[in-house]
Every structure is written in structure tokens, then in C-alpha cells.
Amino acid sequence: MDVWGIVLISLGGPITLLAAMAFFSKALVSHLLDKDIETFKKSLELRSYEHQIVFSRVHERKVEIISNIYASLKEVLRKAQDFSNIVTFEGEISQDEKRRALGKATKDFDELFEKNKIWLPKDLSDKIEGSFIELIAPAKDFIFSDMIARGDPSHLKDKYQKWVFAHEKYKKEIPEVFAALEKEFRREIGVF
């Protein structure tokens, strides 16, 4: 046997063993990595599903809150329109009862809105607050002029002017404000 044959025989065994070990090590590492990747994919899918559920619940809650705020604000408008209605019919509740009903609706809205405005975007929250102030201002003016006129009949003309102003405002301008708010609400909840 020549020198090269001896070298090949003496090195061939360990090299073959080393090559086999490298192949099996690579296969083992590849298998472990594949398992880790699958586990990671499943974990990501689970987290994605959890986030979808949370987002869905948050969106449902937000829609419910917007719906309640809108209904409460509409109730204030309805009570304000009723209170400022110049024509009253027999059997209707008194002006004082209408004023109290408006006060209750206003208080209910204010409590609901303050408790839930965190759920709304800042610009929408500001629009609602502005609309509410604009909505209630004519009724307040009328209430104050009515109180003054009760104590001093010389102010009756002012009372009736405020009454007519409130009636006209609730009949024409405020519904336009509500149309803009409805558009914002629909955009916010994804209904166009």
C-alpha cells in the first residue's frame, strides 16, 4: 500500500463520521427550527385572533356609547322643542312641567356624555359639546326671561321674543346641527 492509500484509509473513517454527524446535526437543527417556527406561527395566529376579539368588543361598546349619546341628545332636542313650542293644546302638560322635563333630559345627557366622552375622538367630542351648548342656550334664555317676566310684567315682551327665538332656532337651525352630527356618528361607527 502506498502512502496515499494509508492516508485515505486513516482519514476516511473520521471524515466520513464527521460528514455524517454534520448531516444529522443539520437535519436536527432544521427540524427544531421548523417546530419553533410552527409554534411561533400558531402563537401569532392566536394573538391575532385575541386582538380581533378585543377590537370587536371595543367597537361594539363604542357603537353602543355613540348610540346612547345620540339618543340622549335627541331627547334633549325633543324636550327643548316641546318646551319652546308656542302653541299649546288643551290636555298638554304645563310649561313648568315641560321645563322640568327639559332640565331632566339635559342633566341625563350631561351625565351620560361626561361619563363616556373618553370613547370618542376629541374632535367629535368637541362638536357634541358645542352642539349641546348651542342646543340648550335658547331654552336657557327663554327660562331666564320667563322668570324675570314673572316678577316684572314689563318684561313680557322680552319673554315672548326669547320664546319665538327659541322656537325658530329649534325648528330650523338645530336640526341642521344634528344632521352634521349624524354624519360624524355614522363615519365613526363605519355606517355611511
C-alpha atoms as a PDB file:
ATOM      1  CA  MET A   1       0.000   0.000   0.000  1.00  0.00           C
ATOM      2  CA  ASP A   2       1.281   3.331  -0.817  1.00  0.00           C
ATOM      3  CA  VAL A   3       1.343   6.388   1.380  1.00  0.00           C
ATOM      4  CA  TRP A   4      -1.759   7.928  -0.133  1.00  0.00           C
ATOM      5  CA  GLY A   5      -3.784   4.802   0.403  1.00  0.00           C
ATOM      6  CA  ILE A   6      -2.777   4.704   4.044  1.00  0.00           C
ATOM      7  CA  VAL A   7      -3.607   8.411   4.498  1.00  0.00           C
ATOM      8  CA  LEU A   8      -7.009   7.929   2.834  1.00  0.00           C
ATOM      9  CA  ILE A   9      -7.851   4.903   4.956  1.00  0.00           C
ATOM     10  CA  SER A  10      -6.725   6.578   8.175  1.00  0.00           C
ATOM     11  CA  LEU A  11      -8.513   9.866   7.426  1.00  0.00           C
ATOM     12  CA  GLY A  12     -11.513   8.434   5.551  1.00  0.00           C
ATOM     13  CA  GLY A  13     -13.208   6.980   8.622  1.00  0.00           C
ATOM     14  CA  PRO A  14     -13.123  10.146  10.720  1.00  0.00           C
ATOM     15  CA  ILE A  15     -14.060  12.346   7.754  1.00  0.00           C
ATOM     16  CA  THR A  16     -16.997  10.082   6.922  1.00  0.00           C
ATOM     17  CA  LEU A  17     -18.042  10.129  10.555  1.00  0.00           C
ATOM     18  CA  LEU A  18     -17.679  13.914  10.679  1.00  0.00           C
ATOM     19  CA  ALA A  19     -19.716  14.307   7.471  1.00  0.00           C
ATOM     20  CA  ALA A  20     -22.446  12.022   8.855  1.00  0.00           C
ATOM     21  CA  MET A  21     -22.513  13.976  12.120  1.00  0.00           C
ATOM     22  CA  ALA A  22     -22.749  17.280  10.210  1.00  0.00           C
ATOM     23  CA  PHE A  23     -25.610  15.958   8.089  1.00  0.00           C
ATOM     24  CA  PHE A  24     -27.556  14.660  11.112  1.00  0.00           C
ATOM     25  CA  SER A  25     -26.831  17.837  13.103  1.00  0.00           C
ATOM     26  CA  LYS A  26     -28.131  19.947  10.234  1.00  0.00           C
ATOM     27  CA  ALA A  27     -31.253  17.789   9.959  1.00  0.00           C
ATOM     28  CA  LEU A  28     -31.817  18.001  13.730  1.00  0.00           C
ATOM     29  CA  VAL A  29     -31.364  21.791  13.833  1.00  0.00           C
ATOM     30  CA  SER A  30     -33.609  22.187  10.795  1.00  0.00           C
ATOM     31  CA  HIS A  31     -36.282  20.018  12.427  1.00  0.00           C
ATOM     32  CA  LEU A  32     -36.095  22.001  15.702  1.00  0.00           C
ATOM     33  CA  LEU A  33     -36.259  25.316  13.841  1.00  0.00           C
ATOM     34  CA  ASP A  34     -39.269  24.128  11.841  1.00  0.00           C
ATOM     35  CA  LYS A  35     -41.009  23.195  15.108  1.00  0.00           C
ATOM     36  CA  ASP A  36     -40.145  26.606  16.605  1.00  0.00           C
ATOM     37  CA  ILE A  37     -41.426  28.386  13.510  1.00  0.00           C
ATOM     38  CA  GLU A  38     -44.702  26.432  13.613  1.00  0.00           C
ATOM     39  CA  THR A  39     -45.103  27.178  17.319  1.00  0.00           C
ATOM     40  CA  PHE A  40     -44.391  30.870  16.654  1.00  0.00           C
ATOM     41  CA  LYS A  41     -46.908  30.956  13.774  1.00  0.00           C
ATOM     42  CA  LYS A  42     -49.591  29.406  15.987  1.00  0.00           C
ATOM     43  CA  SER A  43     -48.795  31.897  18.739  1.00  0.00           C
ATOM     44  CA  LEU A  44     -49.107  34.785  16.275  1.00  0.00           C
ATOM     45  CA  GLU A  45     -52.406  33.451  14.952  1.00  0.00           C
ATOM     46  CA  LEU A  46     -53.756  33.145  18.490  1.00  0.00           C
ATOM     47  CA  ARG A  47     -52.687  36.677  19.376  1.00  0.00           C
ATOM     48  CA  SER A  48     -54.177  37.998  16.161  1.00  0.00           C
ATOM     49  CA  TYR A  49     -57.474  36.292  16.981  1.00  0.00           C
ATOM     50  CA  GLU A  50     -57.395  37.699  20.532  1.00  0.00           C
ATOM     51  CA  HIS A  51     -56.787  41.205  19.166  1.00  0.00           C
ATOM     52  CA  GLN A  52     -59.681  40.803  16.736  1.00  0.00           C
ATOM     53  CA  ILE A  53     -61.985  39.836  19.591  1.00  0.00           C
ATOM     54  CA  VAL A  54     -60.829  42.752  21.752  1.00  0.00           C
ATOM     55  CA  PHE A  55     -61.156  45.180  18.833  1.00  0.00           C
ATOM     56  CA  SER A  56     -64.609  43.837  18.037  1.00  0.00           C
ATOM     57  CA  ARG A  57     -65.742  44.287  21.640  1.00  0.00           C
ATOM     58  CA  VAL A  58     -64.282  47.790  21.821  1.00  0.00           C
ATOM     59  CA  HIS A  59     -66.012  48.711  18.572  1.00  0.00           C
ATOM     60  CA  GLU A  60     -69.339  47.298  19.826  1.00  0.00           C
ATOM     61  CA  ARG A  61     -69.000  49.293  23.047  1.00  0.00           C
ATOM     62  CA  LYS A  62     -68.125  52.436  21.120  1.00  0.00           C
ATOM     63  CA  VAL A  63     -71.153  51.999  18.855  1.00  0.00           C
ATOM     64  CA  GLU A  64     -73.366  51.485  21.929  1.00  0.00           C
ATOM     65  CA  ILE A  65     -71.999  54.620  23.586  1.00  0.00           C
ATOM     66  CA  ILE A  66     -72.399  56.732  20.450  1.00  0.00           C
ATOM     67  CA  SER A  67     -75.944  55.415  20.082  1.00  0.00           C
ATOM     68  CA  ASN A  68     -76.780  56.301  23.697  1.00  0.00           C
ATOM     69  CA  ILE A  69     -75.236  59.772  23.423  1.00  0.00           C
ATOM     70  CA  TYR A  70     -77.102  60.425  20.191  1.00  0.00           C
ATOM     71  CA  ALA A  71     -80.429  59.220  21.637  1.00  0.00           C
ATOM     72  CA  SER A  72     -79.947  61.309  24.763  1.00  0.00           C
ATOM     73  CA  LEU A  73     -79.046  64.403  22.746  1.00  0.00           C
ATOM     74  CA  LYS A  74     -82.111  63.845  20.549  1.00  0.00           C
ATOM     75  CA  GLU A  75     -84.222  63.612  23.715  1.00  0.00           C
ATOM     76  CA  VAL A  76     -82.871  66.989  24.850  1.00  0.00           C
ATOM     77  CA  LEU A  77     -83.791  68.415  21.438  1.00  0.00           C
ATOM     78  CA  ARG A  78     -87.270  66.919  21.607  1.00  0.00           C
ATOM     79  CA  LYS A  79     -87.844  68.303  25.111  1.00  0.00           C
ATOM     80  CA  ALA A  80     -86.442  71.705  24.069  1.00  0.00           C
ATOM     81  CA  GLN A  81     -88.738  71.799  21.030  1.00  0.00           C
ATOM     82  CA  ASP A  82     -91.687  70.814  23.200  1.00  0.00           C
ATOM     83  CA  PHE A  83     -90.785  73.420  25.807  1.00  0.00           C
ATOM     84  CA  SER A  84     -90.371  76.202  23.251  1.00  0.00           C
ATOM     85  CA  ASN A  85     -93.495  75.312  21.283  1.00  0.00           C
ATOM     86  CA  ILE A  86     -95.531  78.493  21.119  1.00  0.00           C
ATOM     87  CA  VAL A  87     -98.817  76.715  20.557  1.00  0.00           C
ATOM     88  CA  THR A  88    -100.092  74.553  23.395  1.00  0.00           C
ATOM     89  CA  PHE A  89    -103.157  72.398  23.292  1.00  0.00           C
ATOM     90  CA  GLU A  90    -105.638  71.519  25.959  1.00  0.00           C
ATOM     91  CA  GLY A  91    -104.555  68.497  27.941  1.00  0.00           C
ATOM     92  CA  GLU A  92    -100.824  69.114  27.422  1.00  0.00           C
ATOM     93  CA  ILE A  93     -98.559  69.351  30.401  1.00  0.00           C
ATOM     94  CA  SER A  94     -97.847  72.816  31.787  1.00  0.00           C
ATOM     95  CA  GLN A  95     -94.921  74.967  30.740  1.00  0.00           C
ATOM     96  CA  ASP A  96     -93.325  74.396  34.163  1.00  0.00           C
ATOM     97  CA  GLU A  97     -93.590  70.617  33.705  1.00  0.00           C
ATOM     98  CA  LYS A  98     -92.059  70.942  30.230  1.00  0.00           C
ATOM     99  CA  ARG A  99     -89.229  72.998  31.731  1.00  0.00           C
ATOM    100  CA  ARG A 100     -88.596  70.330  34.374  1.00  0.00           C
ATOM    101  CA  ALA A 101     -88.652  67.600  31.706  1.00  0.00           C
ATOM    102  CA  LEU A 102     -86.107  69.578  29.674  1.00  0.00           C
ATOM    103  CA  GLY A 103     -83.970  70.042  32.781  1.00  0.00           C
ATOM    104  CA  LYS A 104     -84.030  66.305  33.487  1.00  0.00           C
ATOM    105  CA  ALA A 105     -83.172  65.421  29.878  1.00  0.00           C
ATOM    106  CA  THR A 106     -80.343  67.967  29.952  1.00  0.00           C
ATOM    107  CA  LYS A 107     -78.963  66.586  33.204  1.00  0.00           C
ATOM    108  CA  ASP A 108     -79.236  62.987  31.949  1.00  0.00           C
ATOM    109  CA  PHE A 109     -77.394  63.863  28.739  1.00  0.00           C
ATOM    110  CA  ASP A 110     -74.683  65.770  30.575  1.00  0.00           C
ATOM    111  CA  GLU A 111     -74.036  62.859  32.967  1.00  0.00           C
ATOM    112  CA  LEU A 112     -74.013  60.299  30.144  1.00  0.00           C
ATOM    113  CA  PHE A 113     -71.738  62.383  27.956  1.00  0.00           C
ATOM    114  CA  GLU A 114     -69.248  63.255  30.686  1.00  0.00           C
ATOM    115  CA  LYS A 115     -69.015  59.609  31.696  1.00  0.00           C
ATOM    116  CA  ASN A 116     -68.451  58.343  28.132  1.00  0.00           C
ATOM    117  CA  LYS A 117     -66.752  61.070  26.103  1.00  0.00           C
ATOM    118  CA  ILE A 118     -63.414  59.311  26.551  1.00  0.00           C
ATOM    119  CA  TRP A 119     -64.632  56.775  23.979  1.00  0.00           C
ATOM    120  CA  LEU A 120     -64.981  59.461  21.314  1.00  0.00           C
ATOM    121  CA  PRO A 121     -62.331  61.156  19.203  1.00  0.00           C
ATOM    122  CA  LYS A 122     -61.503  64.618  20.590  1.00  0.00           C
ATOM    123  CA  ASP A 123     -62.875  66.499  17.583  1.00  0.00           C
ATOM    124  CA  LEU A 124     -66.197  64.622  17.741  1.00  0.00           C
ATOM    125  CA  SER A 125     -66.412  65.139  21.497  1.00  0.00           C
ATOM    126  CA  ASP A 126     -65.825  68.869  20.998  1.00  0.00           C
ATOM    127  CA  LYS A 127     -68.527  69.010  18.307  1.00  0.00           C
ATOM    128  CA  ILE A 128     -71.018  67.296  20.598  1.00  0.00           C
ATOM    129  CA  GLU A 129     -70.220  69.674  23.457  1.00  0.00           C
ATOM    130  CA  GLY A 130     -70.564  72.673  21.147  1.00  0.00           C
ATOM    131  CA  SER A 131     -73.829  71.357  19.746  1.00  0.00           C
ATOM    132  CA  PHE A 132     -75.171  70.744  23.237  1.00  0.00           C
ATOM    133  CA  ILE A 133     -74.315  74.290  24.334  1.00  0.00           C
ATOM    134  CA  GLU A 134     -75.897  75.666  21.179  1.00  0.00           C
ATOM    135  CA  LEU A 135     -78.914  73.435  21.714  1.00  0.00           C
ATOM    136  CA  ILE A 136     -79.592  74.458  25.285  1.00  0.00           C
ATOM    137  CA  ALA A 137     -78.772  78.203  25.036  1.00  0.00           C
ATOM    138  CA  PRO A 138     -82.129  79.388  23.577  1.00  0.00           C
ATOM    139  CA  ALA A 139     -84.060  77.439  26.218  1.00  0.00           C
ATOM    140  CA  LYS A 140     -81.936  78.945  28.990  1.00  0.00           C
ATOM    141  CA  ASP A 141     -82.501  82.449  27.625  1.00  0.00           C
ATOM    142  CA  PHE A 142     -86.230  81.808  27.474  1.00  0.00           C
ATOM    143  CA  ILE A 143     -86.307  80.350  31.010  1.00  0.00           C
ATOM    144  CA  PHE A 144     -84.459  83.355  32.440  1.00  0.00           C
ATOM    145  CA  SER A 145     -86.640  85.863  30.592  1.00  0.00           C
ATOM    146  CA  ASP A 146     -89.724  83.952  31.801  1.00  0.00           C
ATOM    147  CA  MET A 147     -88.502  84.138  35.399  1.00  0.00           C
ATOM    148  CA  ILE A 148     -87.863  87.881  35.077  1.00  0.00           C
ATOM    149  CA  ALA A 149     -91.249  88.466  33.426  1.00  0.00           C
ATOM    150  CA  ARG A 150     -92.995  86.633  36.258  1.00  0.00           C
ATOM    151  CA  GLY A 151     -91.543  89.125  38.710  1.00  0.00           C
ATOM    152  CA  ASP A 152     -91.896  92.153  36.449  1.00  0.00           C
ATOM    153  CA  PRO A 153     -94.630  92.048  33.784  1.00  0.00           C
ATOM    154  CA  SER A 154     -92.915  94.874  31.886  1.00  0.00           C
ATOM    155  CA  HIS A 155     -90.514  92.192  30.611  1.00  0.00           C
ATOM    156  CA  LEU A 156     -93.241  90.115  28.952  1.00  0.00           C
ATOM    157  CA  LYS A 157     -92.284  91.387  25.500  1.00  0.00           C
ATOM    158  CA  ASP A 158     -88.695  90.198  26.017  1.00  0.00           C
ATOM    159  CA  LYS A 159     -90.003  86.841  27.249  1.00  0.00           C
ATOM    160  CA  TYR A 160     -92.093  86.350  24.114  1.00  0.00           C
ATOM    161  CA  GLN A 161     -89.230  87.424  21.857  1.00  0.00           C
ATOM    162  CA  LYS A 162     -86.967  84.846  23.512  1.00  0.00           C
ATOM    163  CA  TRP A 163     -89.737  82.282  23.224  1.00  0.00           C
ATOM    164  CA  VAL A 164     -90.189  82.905  19.497  1.00  0.00           C
ATOM    165  CA  PHE A 165     -86.415  82.919  19.003  1.00  0.00           C
ATOM    166  CA  ALA A 166     -86.062  79.573  20.787  1.00  0.00           C
ATOM    167  CA  HIS A 167     -88.956  78.091  18.825  1.00  0.00           C
ATOM    168  CA  GLU A 168     -87.472  79.188  15.492  1.00  0.00           C
ATOM    169  CA  LYS A 169     -83.986  78.016  16.439  1.00  0.00           C
ATOM    170  CA  TYR A 170     -85.243  74.558  17.413  1.00  0.00           C
ATOM    171  CA  LYS A 171     -87.359  74.349  14.318  1.00  0.00           C
ATOM    172  CA  LYS A 172     -84.687  75.297  11.762  1.00  0.00           C
ATOM    173  CA  GLU A 173     -81.066  75.701  12.865  1.00  0.00           C
ATOM    174  CA  ILE A 174     -80.623  72.980  15.456  1.00  0.00           C
ATOM    175  CA  PRO A 175     -81.812  70.189  13.105  1.00  0.00           C
ATOM    176  CA  GLU A 176     -79.004  71.240  10.724  1.00  0.00           C
ATOM    177  CA  VAL A 177     -76.501  70.853  13.561  1.00  0.00           C
ATOM    178  CA  PHE A 178     -77.924  67.387  14.206  1.00  0.00           C
ATOM    179  CA  ALA A 179     -77.581  66.433  10.549  1.00  0.00           C
ATOM    180  CA  ALA A 180     -73.862  67.254  10.742  1.00  0.00           C
ATOM    181  CA  LEU A 181     -73.538  65.292  13.999  1.00  0.00           C
ATOM    182  CA  GLU A 182     -75.364  62.300  12.498  1.00  0.00           C
ATOM    183  CA  LYS A 183     -72.870  62.306   9.634  1.00  0.00           C
ATOM    184  CA  GLU A 184     -69.980  62.292  12.131  1.00  0.00           C
ATOM    185  CA  PHE A 185     -71.583  59.490  14.147  1.00  0.00           C
ATOM    186  CA  ARG A 186     -72.095  57.385  11.036  1.00  0.00           C
ATOM    187  CA  ARG A 187     -68.489  57.943   9.949  1.00  0.00           C
ATOM    188  CA  GLU A 188     -67.245  56.990  13.419  1.00  0.00           C
ATOM    189  CA  ILE A 189     -69.161  53.723  13.590  1.00  0.00           C
ATOM    190  CA  GLY A 190     -68.463  52.837   9.971  1.00  0.00           C
ATOM    191  CA  VAL A 191     -72.010  53.261   8.618  1.00  0.00           C
ATOM    192  CA  PHE A 192     -72.234  55.532   5.599  1.00  0.00           C
END
